[in-house]
């Protein structure tokens, strides 16, 4: 069974940075394009970024383009999301998945507040 574990969230001030990590078990991530999503309670999960299985291609939502960077280490079965210039609008629970195909992990809470 695939299990996804997100980590690295926390409380940060506006303008600061955070890097999120996604670890997977029960699956070899290098076989999949991987994405990050985020959700505020009561809303649908919003797609944030996707990285191709080779790590060569990356796409971002307009709301994070230029501030967030998705990356991966296939030999470690890990995916990352580096977030810079964070603002209150980035406050959310962040999740990783591959085209929403697997059970969601618990996510990691990011709170941006002064």
PDB file of N, CA and C in Angstrom:
ATOM      1  N   UNK A   1       0.838  -1.187   0.000  1.00  0.00           N
ATOM      2  CA  UNK A   1       0.000   0.000   0.000  1.00  0.00           C
ATOM      3  C   UNK A   1       0.880   1.246   0.000  1.00  0.00           C
ATOM      4  N   UNK A   2       0.497   2.201  -0.820  1.00  0.00           N
ATOM      5  CA  UNK A   2       1.273   3.430  -0.925  1.00  0.00           C
ATOM      6  C   UNK A   2       0.979   4.320   0.270  1.00  0.00           C
ATOM      7  N   UNK A   3       2.036   4.807   0.876  1.00  0.00           N
ATOM      8  CA  UNK A   3       1.906   5.782   1.951  1.00  0.00           C
ATOM      9  C   UNK A   3       2.758   6.994   1.631  1.00  0.00           C
ATOM     10  N   UNK A   4       2.166   8.155   1.777  1.00  0.00           N
ATOM     11  CA  UNK A   4       2.849   9.416   1.535  1.00  0.00           C
ATOM     12  C   UNK A   4       2.954  10.171   2.855  1.00  0.00           C
ATOM     13  N   UNK A   5       4.128  10.683   3.126  1.00  0.00           N
ATOM     14  CA  UNK A   5       4.349  11.424   4.366  1.00  0.00           C
ATOM     15  C   UNK A   5       4.981  12.755   4.026  1.00  0.00           C
ATOM     16  N   UNK A   6       4.237  13.818   4.304  1.00  0.00           N
ATOM     17  CA  UNK A   6       4.728  15.173   4.064  1.00  0.00           C
ATOM     18  C   UNK A   6       5.267  15.749   5.366  1.00  0.00           C
ATOM     19  N   UNK A   7       6.302  16.564   5.249  1.00  0.00           N
ATOM     20  CA  UNK A   7       6.896  17.180   6.434  1.00  0.00           C
ATOM     21  C   UNK A   7       7.554  18.492   6.053  1.00  0.00           C
ATOM     22  N   UNK A   8       7.951  19.244   7.074  1.00  0.00           N
ATOM     23  CA  UNK A   8       8.693  20.474   6.848  1.00  0.00           C
ATOM     24  C   UNK A   8       7.897  21.750   7.029  1.00  0.00           C
ATOM     25  N   UNK A   9       6.596  21.626   7.265  1.00  0.00           N
ATOM     26  CA  UNK A   9       5.787  22.811   7.457  1.00  0.00           C
ATOM     27  C   UNK A   9       6.068  23.487   8.781  1.00  0.00           C
ATOM     28  N   UNK A  10       5.406  24.607   8.991  1.00  0.00           N
ATOM     29  CA  UNK A  10       5.575  25.325  10.244  1.00  0.00           C
ATOM     30  C   UNK A  10       5.003  26.713  10.155  1.00  0.00           C
ATOM     31  N   UNK A  11       5.293  27.497  11.167  1.00  0.00           N
ATOM     32  CA  UNK A  11       4.860  28.884  11.248  1.00  0.00           C
ATOM     33  C   UNK A  11       6.028  29.778  10.843  1.00  0.00           C
ATOM     34  N   UNK A  12       5.814  30.597   9.836  1.00  0.00           N
ATOM     35  CA  UNK A  12       6.862  31.496   9.385  1.00  0.00           C
ATOM     36  C   UNK A  12       6.297  32.888   9.171  1.00  0.00           C
ATOM     37  N   UNK A  13       7.186  33.855   9.196  1.00  0.00           N
ATOM     38  CA  UNK A  13       6.784  35.232   8.945  1.00  0.00           C
ATOM     39  C   UNK A  13       6.697  35.489   7.440  1.00  0.00           C
ATOM     40  N   UNK A  14       5.895  36.430   7.049  1.00  0.00           N
ATOM     41  CA  UNK A  14       5.829  36.775   5.624  1.00  0.00           C
ATOM     42  C   UNK A  14       7.207  37.124   5.071  1.00  0.00           C
ATOM     43  N   UNK A  15       7.457  36.657   3.851  1.00  0.00           N
ATOM     44  CA  UNK A  15       8.726  36.918   3.203  1.00  0.00           C
ATOM     45  C   UNK A  15       9.784  35.861   3.433  1.00  0.00           C
ATOM     46  N   UNK A  16       9.528  34.966   4.377  1.00  0.00           N
ATOM     47  CA  UNK A  16      10.500  33.928   4.688  1.00  0.00           C
ATOM     48  C   UNK A  16      10.314  32.715   3.785  1.00  0.00           C
ATOM     49  N   UNK A  17      11.148  31.707   4.023  1.00  0.00           N
ATOM     50  CA  UNK A  17      11.156  30.502   3.180  1.00  0.00           C
ATOM     51  C   UNK A  17      10.943  29.246   4.007  1.00  0.00           C
ATOM     52  N   UNK A  18      10.468  28.216   3.324  1.00  0.00           N
ATOM     53  CA  UNK A  18      10.339  26.880   3.899  1.00  0.00           C
ATOM     54  C   UNK A  18      10.571  25.868   2.799  1.00  0.00           C
ATOM     55  N   UNK A  19      11.062  24.705   3.179  1.00  0.00           N
ATOM     56  CA  UNK A  19      11.181  23.608   2.226  1.00  0.00           C
ATOM     57  C   UNK A  19      10.409  22.409   2.768  1.00  0.00           C
ATOM     58  N   UNK A  20       9.481  21.937   1.983  1.00  0.00           N
ATOM     59  CA  UNK A  20       8.678  20.775   2.343  1.00  0.00           C
ATOM     60  C   UNK A  20       9.282  19.521   1.729  1.00  0.00           C
ATOM     61  N   UNK A  21       9.065  18.410   2.407  1.00  0.00           N
ATOM     62  CA  UNK A  21       9.538  17.117   1.916  1.00  0.00           C
ATOM     63  C   UNK A  21       8.383  16.141   1.824  1.00  0.00           C
ATOM     64  N   UNK A  22       8.506  15.244   0.880  1.00  0.00           N
ATOM     65  CA  UNK A  22       7.506  14.187   0.683  1.00  0.00           C
ATOM     66  C   UNK A  22       8.253  12.865   0.574  1.00  0.00           C
ATOM     67  N   UNK A  23       7.953  11.976   1.488  1.00  0.00           N
ATOM     68  CA  UNK A  23       8.547  10.641   1.462  1.00  0.00           C
ATOM     69  C   UNK A  23       7.463   9.625   1.131  1.00  0.00           C
ATOM     70  N   UNK A  24       7.825   8.629   0.361  1.00  0.00           N
ATOM     71  CA  UNK A  24       6.845   7.623  -0.053  1.00  0.00           C
ATOM     72  C   UNK A  24       7.339   6.223   0.280  1.00  0.00           C
ATOM     73  N   UNK A  25       6.402   5.375   0.619  1.00  0.00           N
ATOM     74  CA  UNK A  25       6.699   3.962   0.788  1.00  0.00           C
ATOM     75  C   UNK A  25       5.677   3.159   0.009  1.00  0.00           C
ATOM     76  N   UNK A  26       6.072   1.979  -0.405  1.00  0.00           N
ATOM     77  CA  UNK A  26       5.165   1.126  -1.162  1.00  0.00           C
ATOM     78  C   UNK A  26       5.083   1.462  -2.639  1.00  0.00           C
ATOM     79  N   UNK A  27       5.933   2.371  -3.071  1.00  0.00           N
ATOM     80  CA  UNK A  27       5.921   2.772  -4.478  1.00  0.00           C
ATOM     81  C   UNK A  27       7.278   3.355  -4.836  1.00  0.00           C
ATOM     82  N   UNK A  28       7.642   3.220  -6.094  1.00  0.00           N
ATOM     83  CA  UNK A  28       8.878   3.828  -6.585  1.00  0.00           C
ATOM     84  C   UNK A  28       8.507   5.118  -7.295  1.00  0.00           C
ATOM     85  N   UNK A  29       8.807   6.235  -6.672  1.00  0.00           N
ATOM     86  CA  UNK A  29       8.374   7.526  -7.193  1.00  0.00           C
ATOM     87  C   UNK A  29       8.952   7.851  -8.557  1.00  0.00           C
ATOM     88  N   UNK A  30      10.083   7.284  -8.882  1.00  0.00           N
ATOM     89  CA  UNK A  30      10.711   7.614 -10.155  1.00  0.00           C
ATOM     90  C   UNK A  30       9.879   7.165 -11.357  1.00  0.00           C
ATOM     91  N   UNK A  31       8.868   6.369 -11.115  1.00  0.00           N
ATOM     92  CA  UNK A  31       7.978   5.922 -12.192  1.00  0.00           C
ATOM     93  C   UNK A  31       6.834   6.892 -12.457  1.00  0.00           C
ATOM     94  N   UNK A  32       6.766   7.975 -11.664  1.00  0.00           N
ATOM     95  CA  UNK A  32       5.617   8.870 -11.736  1.00  0.00           C
ATOM     96  C   UNK A  32       6.020  10.330 -11.777  1.00  0.00           C
ATOM     97  N   UNK A  33       5.229  11.113 -12.504  1.00  0.00           N
ATOM     98  CA  UNK A  33       5.271  12.562 -12.323  1.00  0.00           C
ATOM     99  C   UNK A  33       4.671  12.834 -10.948  1.00  0.00           C
ATOM    100  N   UNK A  34       5.281  13.731 -10.215  1.00  0.00           N
ATOM    101  CA  UNK A  34       4.830  14.011  -8.856  1.00  0.00           C
ATOM    102  C   UNK A  34       4.399  15.469  -8.719  1.00  0.00           C
ATOM    103  N   UNK A  35       3.415  15.677  -7.865  1.00  0.00           N
ATOM    104  CA  UNK A  35       2.865  17.015  -7.684  1.00  0.00           C
ATOM    105  C   UNK A  35       2.718  17.361  -6.215  1.00  0.00           C
ATOM    106  N   UNK A  36       2.650  18.644  -5.972  1.00  0.00           N
ATOM    107  CA  UNK A  36       2.259  19.185  -4.676  1.00  0.00           C
ATOM    108  C   UNK A  36       0.901  19.854  -4.835  1.00  0.00           C
ATOM    109  N   UNK A  37       0.100  19.722  -3.789  1.00  0.00           N
ATOM    110  CA  UNK A  37      -1.213  20.337  -3.724  1.00  0.00           C
ATOM    111  C   UNK A  37      -1.337  21.030  -2.383  1.00  0.00           C
ATOM    112  N   UNK A  38      -2.341  21.877  -2.252  1.00  0.00           N
ATOM    113  CA  UNK A  38      -2.589  22.499  -0.961  1.00  0.00           C
ATOM    114  C   UNK A  38      -4.079  22.689  -0.790  1.00  0.00           C
ATOM    115  N   UNK A  39      -4.475  22.745   0.455  1.00  0.00           N
ATOM    116  CA  UNK A  39      -5.896  22.887   0.745  1.00  0.00           C
ATOM    117  C   UNK A  39      -6.106  23.610   2.053  1.00  0.00           C
ATOM    118  N   UNK A  40      -6.983  24.565   2.004  1.00  0.00           N
ATOM    119  CA  UNK A  40      -7.486  25.210   3.210  1.00  0.00           C
ATOM    120  C   UNK A  40      -8.758  24.478   3.605  1.00  0.00           C
ATOM    121  N   UNK A  41      -8.976  24.326   4.892  1.00  0.00           N
ATOM    122  CA  UNK A  41     -10.120  23.581   5.391  1.00  0.00           C
ATOM    123  C   UNK A  41     -11.399  24.017   4.703  1.00  0.00           C
ATOM    124  N   UNK A  42     -12.157  23.042   4.217  1.00  0.00           N
ATOM    125  CA  UNK A  42     -13.438  23.322   3.593  1.00  0.00           C
ATOM    126  C   UNK A  42     -13.375  23.590   2.112  1.00  0.00           C
ATOM    127  N   UNK A  43     -12.178  23.606   1.556  1.00  0.00           N
ATOM    128  CA  UNK A  43     -12.022  23.876   0.133  1.00  0.00           C
ATOM    129  C   UNK A  43     -11.434  22.660  -0.579  1.00  0.00           C
ATOM    130  N   UNK A  44     -11.536  22.684  -1.888  1.00  0.00           N
ATOM    131  CA  UNK A  44     -10.924  21.633  -2.695  1.00  0.00           C
ATOM    132  C   UNK A  44      -9.399  21.780  -2.669  1.00  0.00           C
ATOM    133  N   UNK A  45      -8.721  20.664  -2.837  1.00  0.00           N
ATOM    134  CA  UNK A  45      -7.265  20.754  -2.951  1.00  0.00           C
ATOM    135  C   UNK A  45      -6.900  21.481  -4.239  1.00  0.00           C
ATOM    136  N   UNK A  46      -5.947  22.370  -4.111  1.00  0.00           N
ATOM    137  CA  UNK A  46      -5.486  23.167  -5.239  1.00  0.00           C
ATOM    138  C   UNK A  46      -4.137  22.630  -5.699  1.00  0.00           C
ATOM    139  N   UNK A  47      -4.008  22.438  -6.986  1.00  0.00           N
ATOM    140  CA  UNK A  47      -2.733  22.002  -7.529  1.00  0.00           C
ATOM    141  C   UNK A  47      -1.719  23.141  -7.431  1.00  0.00           C
ATOM    142  N   UNK A  48      -0.488  22.802  -7.052  1.00  0.00           N
ATOM    143  CA  UNK A  48       0.554  23.805  -6.862  1.00  0.00           C
ATOM    144  C   UNK A  48       1.670  23.658  -7.894  1.00  0.00           C
ATOM    145  N   UNK A  49       2.177  22.433  -8.049  1.00  0.00           N
ATOM    146  CA  UNK A  49       3.325  22.239  -8.937  1.00  0.00           C
ATOM    147  C   UNK A  49       3.455  20.763  -9.284  1.00  0.00           C
ATOM    148  N   UNK A  50       4.054  20.499 -10.438  1.00  0.00           N
ATOM    149  CA  UNK A  50       4.318  19.134 -10.899  1.00  0.00           C
ATOM    150  C   UNK A  50       5.727  19.040 -11.445  1.00  0.00           C
ATOM    151  N   UNK A  51       6.369  17.909 -11.170  1.00  0.00           N
ATOM    152  CA  UNK A  51       7.690  17.635 -11.728  1.00  0.00           C
ATOM    153  C   UNK A  51       7.633  16.290 -12.451  1.00  0.00           C
ATOM    154  N   UNK A  52       8.201  16.263 -13.641  1.00  0.00           N
ATOM    155  CA  UNK A  52       8.214  15.025 -14.420  1.00  0.00           C
ATOM    156  C   UNK A  52       9.071  13.973 -13.727  1.00  0.00           C
ATOM    157  N   UNK A  53       8.822  12.720 -14.067  1.00  0.00           N
ATOM    158  CA  UNK A  53       9.492  11.625 -13.373  1.00  0.00           C
ATOM    159  C   UNK A  53      11.009  11.708 -13.473  1.00  0.00           C
ATOM    160  N   UNK A  54      11.516  12.256 -14.555  1.00  0.00           N
ATOM    161  CA  UNK A  54      12.962  12.387 -14.711  1.00  0.00           C
ATOM    162  C   UNK A  54      13.512  13.612 -13.993  1.00  0.00           C
ATOM    163  N   UNK A  55      12.615  14.492 -13.584  1.00  0.00           N
ATOM    164  CA  UNK A  55      13.030  15.741 -12.974  1.00  0.00           C
ATOM    165  C   UNK A  55      13.281  16.849 -13.980  1.00  0.00           C
ATOM    166  N   UNK A  56      13.094  16.549 -15.276  1.00  0.00           N
ATOM    167  CA  UNK A  56      13.435  17.521 -16.296  1.00  0.00           C
ATOM    168  C   UNK A  56      12.410  18.611 -16.496  1.00  0.00           C
ATOM    169  N   UNK A  57      11.133  18.289 -16.390  1.00  0.00           N
ATOM    170  CA  UNK A  57      10.088  19.263 -16.645  1.00  0.00           C
ATOM    171  C   UNK A  57       9.346  19.621 -15.376  1.00  0.00           C
ATOM    172  N   UNK A  58       9.075  20.917 -15.208  1.00  0.00           N
ATOM    173  CA  UNK A  58       8.373  21.386 -14.011  1.00  0.00           C
ATOM    174  C   UNK A  58       7.358  22.434 -14.432  1.00  0.00           C
ATOM    175  N   UNK A  59       6.196  22.368 -13.849  1.00  0.00           N
ATOM    176  CA  UNK A  59       5.163  23.371 -14.099  1.00  0.00           C
ATOM    177  C   UNK A  59       4.600  23.825 -12.771  1.00  0.00           C
ATOM    178  N   UNK A  60       4.119  25.091 -12.758  1.00  0.00           N
ATOM    179  CA  UNK A  60       3.658  25.703 -11.522  1.00  0.00           C
ATOM    180  C   UNK A  60       2.346  26.424 -11.730  1.00  0.00           C
ATOM    181  N   UNK A  61       1.578  26.478 -10.674  1.00  0.00           N
ATOM    182  CA  UNK A  61       0.397  27.322 -10.669  1.00  0.00           C
ATOM    183  C   UNK A  61       0.849  28.784 -10.728  1.00  0.00           C
ATOM    184  N   UNK A  62       0.044  29.605 -11.346  1.00  0.00           N
ATOM    185  CA  UNK A  62       0.402  31.019 -11.481  1.00  0.00           C
ATOM    186  C   UNK A  62       0.638  31.669 -10.120  1.00  0.00           C
ATOM    187  N   UNK A  63      -0.085  31.211  -9.128  1.00  0.00           N
ATOM    188  CA  UNK A  63      -0.006  31.837  -7.804  1.00  0.00           C
ATOM    189  C   UNK A  63       1.344  31.611  -7.123  1.00  0.00           C
ATOM    190  N   UNK A  64       2.111  30.624  -7.576  1.00  0.00           N
ATOM    191  CA  UNK A  64       3.383  30.327  -6.921  1.00  0.00           C
ATOM    192  C   UNK A  64       4.574  30.448  -7.866  1.00  0.00           C
ATOM    193  N   UNK A  65       4.301  30.668  -9.123  1.00  0.00           N
ATOM    194  CA  UNK A  65       5.373  30.717 -10.120  1.00  0.00           C
ATOM    195  C   UNK A  65       6.387  31.789  -9.762  1.00  0.00           C
ATOM    196  N   UNK A  66       7.652  31.426  -9.821  1.00  0.00           N
ATOM    197  CA  UNK A  66       8.709  32.368  -9.485  1.00  0.00           C
ATOM    198  C   UNK A  66       9.071  32.384  -8.014  1.00  0.00           C
ATOM    199  N   UNK A  67       8.242  31.762  -7.178  1.00  0.00           N
ATOM    200  CA  UNK A  67       8.518  31.732  -5.734  1.00  0.00           C
ATOM    201  C   UNK A  67       8.774  30.315  -5.226  1.00  0.00           C
ATOM    202  N   UNK A  68       8.108  29.335  -5.818  1.00  0.00           N
ATOM    203  CA  UNK A  68       8.225  27.946  -5.376  1.00  0.00           C
ATOM    204  C   UNK A  68       9.035  27.154  -6.396  1.00  0.00           C
ATOM    205  N   UNK A  69       9.768  26.156  -5.906  1.00  0.00           N
ATOM    206  CA  UNK A  69      10.531  25.263  -6.762  1.00  0.00           C
ATOM    207  C   UNK A  69      10.295  23.827  -6.325  1.00  0.00           C
ATOM    208  N   UNK A  70       9.816  23.018  -7.248  1.00  0.00           N
ATOM    209  CA  UNK A  70       9.627  21.589  -6.973  1.00  0.00           C
ATOM    210  C   UNK A  70      10.855  20.827  -7.450  1.00  0.00           C
ATOM    211  N   UNK A  71      11.270  19.848  -6.681  1.00  0.00           N
ATOM    212  CA  UNK A  71      12.428  19.042  -7.056  1.00  0.00           C
ATOM    213  C   UNK A  71      12.234  17.618  -6.533  1.00  0.00           C
ATOM    214  N   UNK A  72      13.131  16.751  -6.921  1.00  0.00           N
ATOM    215  CA  UNK A  72      13.009  15.362  -6.482  1.00  0.00           C
ATOM    216  C   UNK A  72      14.374  14.702  -6.419  1.00  0.00           C
ATOM    217  N   UNK A  73      14.452  13.691  -5.588  1.00  0.00           N
ATOM    218  CA  UNK A  73      15.629  12.832  -5.524  1.00  0.00           C
ATOM    219  C   UNK A  73      15.124  11.402  -5.669  1.00  0.00           C
ATOM    220  N   UNK A  74      15.173  10.903  -6.861  1.00  0.00           N
ATOM    221  CA  UNK A  74      14.600   9.584  -7.123  1.00  0.00           C
ATOM    222  C   UNK A  74      15.344   8.474  -6.385  1.00  0.00           C
ATOM    223  N   UNK A  75      16.632   8.662  -6.168  1.00  0.00           N
ATOM    224  CA  UNK A  75      17.379   7.614  -5.474  1.00  0.00           C
ATOM    225  C   UNK A  75      16.989   7.533  -3.999  1.00  0.00           C
ATOM    226  N   UNK A  76      16.386   8.612  -3.490  1.00  0.00           N
ATOM    227  CA  UNK A  76      15.914   8.628  -2.105  1.00  0.00           C
ATOM    228  C   UNK A  76      14.393   8.491  -2.012  1.00  0.00           C
ATOM    229  N   UNK A  77      13.746   8.410  -3.172  1.00  0.00           N
ATOM    230  CA  UNK A  77      12.283   8.310  -3.192  1.00  0.00           C
ATOM    231  C   UNK A  77      11.621   9.503  -2.515  1.00  0.00           C
ATOM    232  N   UNK A  78      12.146  10.689  -2.811  1.00  0.00           N
ATOM    233  CA  UNK A  78      11.700  11.911  -2.145  1.00  0.00           C
ATOM    234  C   UNK A  78      11.346  12.980  -3.172  1.00  0.00           C
ATOM    235  N   UNK A  79      10.404  13.818  -2.786  1.00  0.00           N
ATOM    236  CA  UNK A  79      10.037  15.000  -3.563  1.00  0.00           C
ATOM    237  C   UNK A  79      10.037  16.186  -2.609  1.00  0.00           C
ATOM    238  N   UNK A  80      10.393  17.361  -3.126  1.00  0.00           N
ATOM    239  CA  UNK A  80      10.518  18.538  -2.276  1.00  0.00           C
ATOM    240  C   UNK A  80       9.770  19.717  -2.892  1.00  0.00           C
ATOM    241  N   UNK A  81       9.460  20.679  -2.032  1.00  0.00           N
ATOM    242  CA  UNK A  81       8.893  21.939  -2.489  1.00  0.00           C
ATOM    243  C   UNK A  81       9.573  23.055  -1.713  1.00  0.00           C
ATOM    244  N   UNK A  82      10.432  23.783  -2.407  1.00  0.00           N
ATOM    245  CA  UNK A  82      11.072  24.943  -1.797  1.00  0.00           C
ATOM    246  C   UNK A  82      10.176  26.152  -2.012  1.00  0.00           C
ATOM    247  N   UNK A  83       9.824  26.792  -0.923  1.00  0.00           N
ATOM    248  CA  UNK A  83       8.902  27.923  -0.984  1.00  0.00           C
ATOM    249  C   UNK A  83       9.612  29.175  -0.497  1.00  0.00           C
ATOM    250  N   UNK A  84       9.623  30.200  -1.328  1.00  0.00           N
ATOM    251  CA  UNK A  84      10.262  31.464  -0.972  1.00  0.00           C
ATOM    252  C   UNK A  84       9.231  32.574  -0.995  1.00  0.00           C
ATOM    253  N   UNK A  85       9.595  33.684  -0.366  1.00  0.00           N
ATOM    254  CA  UNK A  85       8.730  34.871  -0.352  1.00  0.00           C
ATOM    255  C   UNK A  85       7.300  34.497   0.025  1.00  0.00           C
ATOM    256  N   UNK A  86       7.180  33.768   1.092  1.00  0.00           N
ATOM    257  CA  UNK A  86       5.869  33.302   1.524  1.00  0.00           C
ATOM    258  C   UNK A  86       5.000  34.454   1.978  1.00  0.00           C
ATOM    259  N   UNK A  87       3.727  34.336   1.698  1.00  0.00           N
ATOM    260  CA  UNK A  87       2.748  35.323   2.132  1.00  0.00           C
ATOM    261  C   UNK A  87       1.584  34.638   2.818  1.00  0.00           C
ATOM    262  N   UNK A  88       0.735  35.403   3.486  1.00  0.00           N
ATOM    263  CA  UNK A  88      -0.411  34.816   4.184  1.00  0.00           C
ATOM    264  C   UNK A  88      -1.287  33.964   3.271  1.00  0.00           C
ATOM    265  N   UNK A  89      -1.308  34.296   1.992  1.00  0.00           N
ATOM    266  CA  UNK A  89      -2.126  33.522   1.046  1.00  0.00           C
ATOM    267  C   UNK A  89      -1.586  32.121   0.823  1.00  0.00           C
ATOM    268  N   UNK A  90      -0.382  31.854   1.273  1.00  0.00           N
ATOM    269  CA  UNK A  90       0.209  30.515   1.144  1.00  0.00           C
ATOM    270  C   UNK A  90      -0.115  29.627   2.338  1.00  0.00           C
ATOM    271  N   UNK A  91      -0.801  30.169   3.311  1.00  0.00           N
ATOM    272  CA  UNK A  91      -1.196  29.374   4.476  1.00  0.00           C
ATOM    273  C   UNK A  91      -2.153  28.283   4.052  1.00  0.00           C
ATOM    274  N   UNK A  92      -1.773  27.048   4.281  1.00  0.00           N
ATOM    275  CA  UNK A  92      -2.546  25.901   3.820  1.00  0.00           C
ATOM    276  C   UNK A  92      -1.910  24.629   4.373  1.00  0.00           C
ATOM    277  N   UNK A  93      -2.597  23.523   4.175  1.00  0.00           N
ATOM    278  CA  UNK A  93      -2.004  22.208   4.386  1.00  0.00           C
ATOM    279  C   UNK A  93      -1.519  21.724   3.022  1.00  0.00           C
ATOM    280  N   UNK A  94      -0.273  21.290   2.969  1.00  0.00           N
ATOM    281  CA  UNK A  94       0.347  20.893   1.711  1.00  0.00           C
ATOM    282  C   UNK A  94       0.478  19.373   1.629  1.00  0.00           C
ATOM    283  N   UNK A  95       0.189  18.846   0.446  1.00  0.00           N
ATOM    284  CA  UNK A  95       0.191  17.404   0.201  1.00  0.00           C
ATOM    285  C   UNK A  95       0.976  17.099  -1.076  1.00  0.00           C
ATOM    286  N   UNK A  96       1.517  15.906  -1.132  1.00  0.00           N
ATOM    287  CA  UNK A  96       2.109  15.437  -2.377  1.00  0.00           C
ATOM    288  C   UNK A  96       1.302  14.247  -2.884  1.00  0.00           C
ATOM    289  N   UNK A  97       1.371  14.019  -4.180  1.00  0.00           N
ATOM    290  CA  UNK A  97       0.695  12.880  -4.784  1.00  0.00           C
ATOM    291  C   UNK A  97       1.092  12.803  -6.245  1.00  0.00           C
ATOM    292  N   UNK A  98       0.676  11.750  -6.879  1.00  0.00           N
ATOM    293  CA  UNK A  98       0.908  11.584  -8.307  1.00  0.00           C
ATOM    294  C   UNK A  98      -0.445  11.599  -8.989  1.00  0.00           C
ATOM    295  N   UNK A  99      -0.823  12.760  -9.495  1.00  0.00           N
ATOM    296  CA  UNK A  99      -2.100  12.900 -10.196  1.00  0.00           C
ATOM    297  C   UNK A  99      -3.262  12.400  -9.333  1.00  0.00           C
ATOM    298  N   UNK A 100      -3.139  12.597  -8.026  1.00  0.00           N
ATOM    299  CA  UNK A 100      -4.186  12.266  -7.057  1.00  0.00           C
ATOM    300  C   UNK A 100      -4.530  10.774  -7.063  1.00  0.00           C
ATOM    301  N   UNK A 101      -3.620   9.922  -7.483  1.00  0.00           N
ATOM    302  CA  UNK A 101      -3.964   8.531  -7.653  1.00  0.00           C
ATOM    303  C   UNK A 101      -3.877   7.702  -6.377  1.00  0.00           C
ATOM    304  N   UNK A 102      -3.133   8.194  -5.388  1.00  0.00           N
ATOM    305  CA  UNK A 102      -2.919   7.413  -4.171  1.00  0.00           C
ATOM    306  C   UNK A 102      -3.671   8.022  -2.986  1.00  0.00           C
ATOM    307  N   UNK A 103      -3.856   7.250  -1.906  1.00  0.00           N
ATOM    308  CA  UNK A 103      -4.457   7.829  -0.706  1.00  0.00           C
ATOM    309  C   UNK A 103      -3.635   9.027  -0.232  1.00  0.00           C
ATOM    310  N   UNK A 104      -4.314  10.057   0.184  1.00  0.00           N
ATOM    311  CA  UNK A 104      -3.629  11.256   0.643  1.00  0.00           C
ATOM    312  C   UNK A 104      -2.937  11.012   1.974  1.00  0.00           C
ATOM    313  N   UNK A 105      -1.766  11.609   2.125  1.00  0.00           N
ATOM    314  CA  UNK A 105      -1.115  11.630   3.420  1.00  0.00           C
ATOM    315  C   UNK A 105      -1.792  12.639   4.328  1.00  0.00           C
ATOM    316  N   UNK A 106      -1.206  12.834   5.490  1.00  0.00           N
ATOM    317  CA  UNK A 106      -1.783  13.790   6.435  1.00  0.00           C
ATOM    318  C   UNK A 106      -1.471  15.231   6.064  1.00  0.00           C
ATOM    319  N   UNK A 107      -0.510  15.408   5.200  1.00  0.00           N
ATOM    320  CA  UNK A 107      -0.143  16.755   4.811  1.00  0.00           C
ATOM    321  C   UNK A 107       0.730  17.423   5.864  1.00  0.00           C
ATOM    322  N   UNK A 108       1.228  18.592   5.510  1.00  0.00           N
ATOM    323  CA  UNK A 108       2.021  19.376   6.454  1.00  0.00           C
ATOM    324  C   UNK A 108       1.520  20.809   6.438  1.00  0.00           C
ATOM    325  N   UNK A 109       1.258  21.338   7.608  1.00  0.00           N
ATOM    326  CA  UNK A 109       0.649  22.664   7.737  1.00  0.00           C
ATOM    327  C   UNK A 109       1.699  23.757   7.584  1.00  0.00           C
ATOM    328  N   UNK A 110       1.396  24.686   6.714  1.00  0.00           N
ATOM    329  CA  UNK A 110       2.221  25.886   6.555  1.00  0.00           C
ATOM    330  C   UNK A 110       1.366  27.074   6.956  1.00  0.00           C
ATOM    331  N   UNK A 111       1.860  27.842   7.903  1.00  0.00           N
ATOM    332  CA  UNK A 111       1.160  29.039   8.364  1.00  0.00           C
ATOM    333  C   UNK A 111       2.094  30.223   8.221  1.00  0.00           C
ATOM    334  N   UNK A 112       1.636  31.205   7.480  1.00  0.00           N
ATOM    335  CA  UNK A 112       2.435  32.409   7.256  1.00  0.00           C
ATOM    336  C   UNK A 112       1.749  33.567   7.965  1.00  0.00           C
ATOM    337  N   UNK A 113       2.399  34.068   8.988  1.00  0.00           N
ATOM    338  CA  UNK A 113       1.789  35.098   9.798  1.00  0.00           C
ATOM    339  C   UNK A 113       2.872  35.898  10.511  1.00  0.00           C
ATOM    340  N   UNK A 114       2.595  37.183  10.669  1.00  0.00           N
ATOM    341  CA  UNK A 114       3.518  38.033  11.415  1.00  0.00           C
ATOM    342  C   UNK A 114       3.314  37.862  12.918  1.00  0.00           C
TER     343      UNK A 114
END
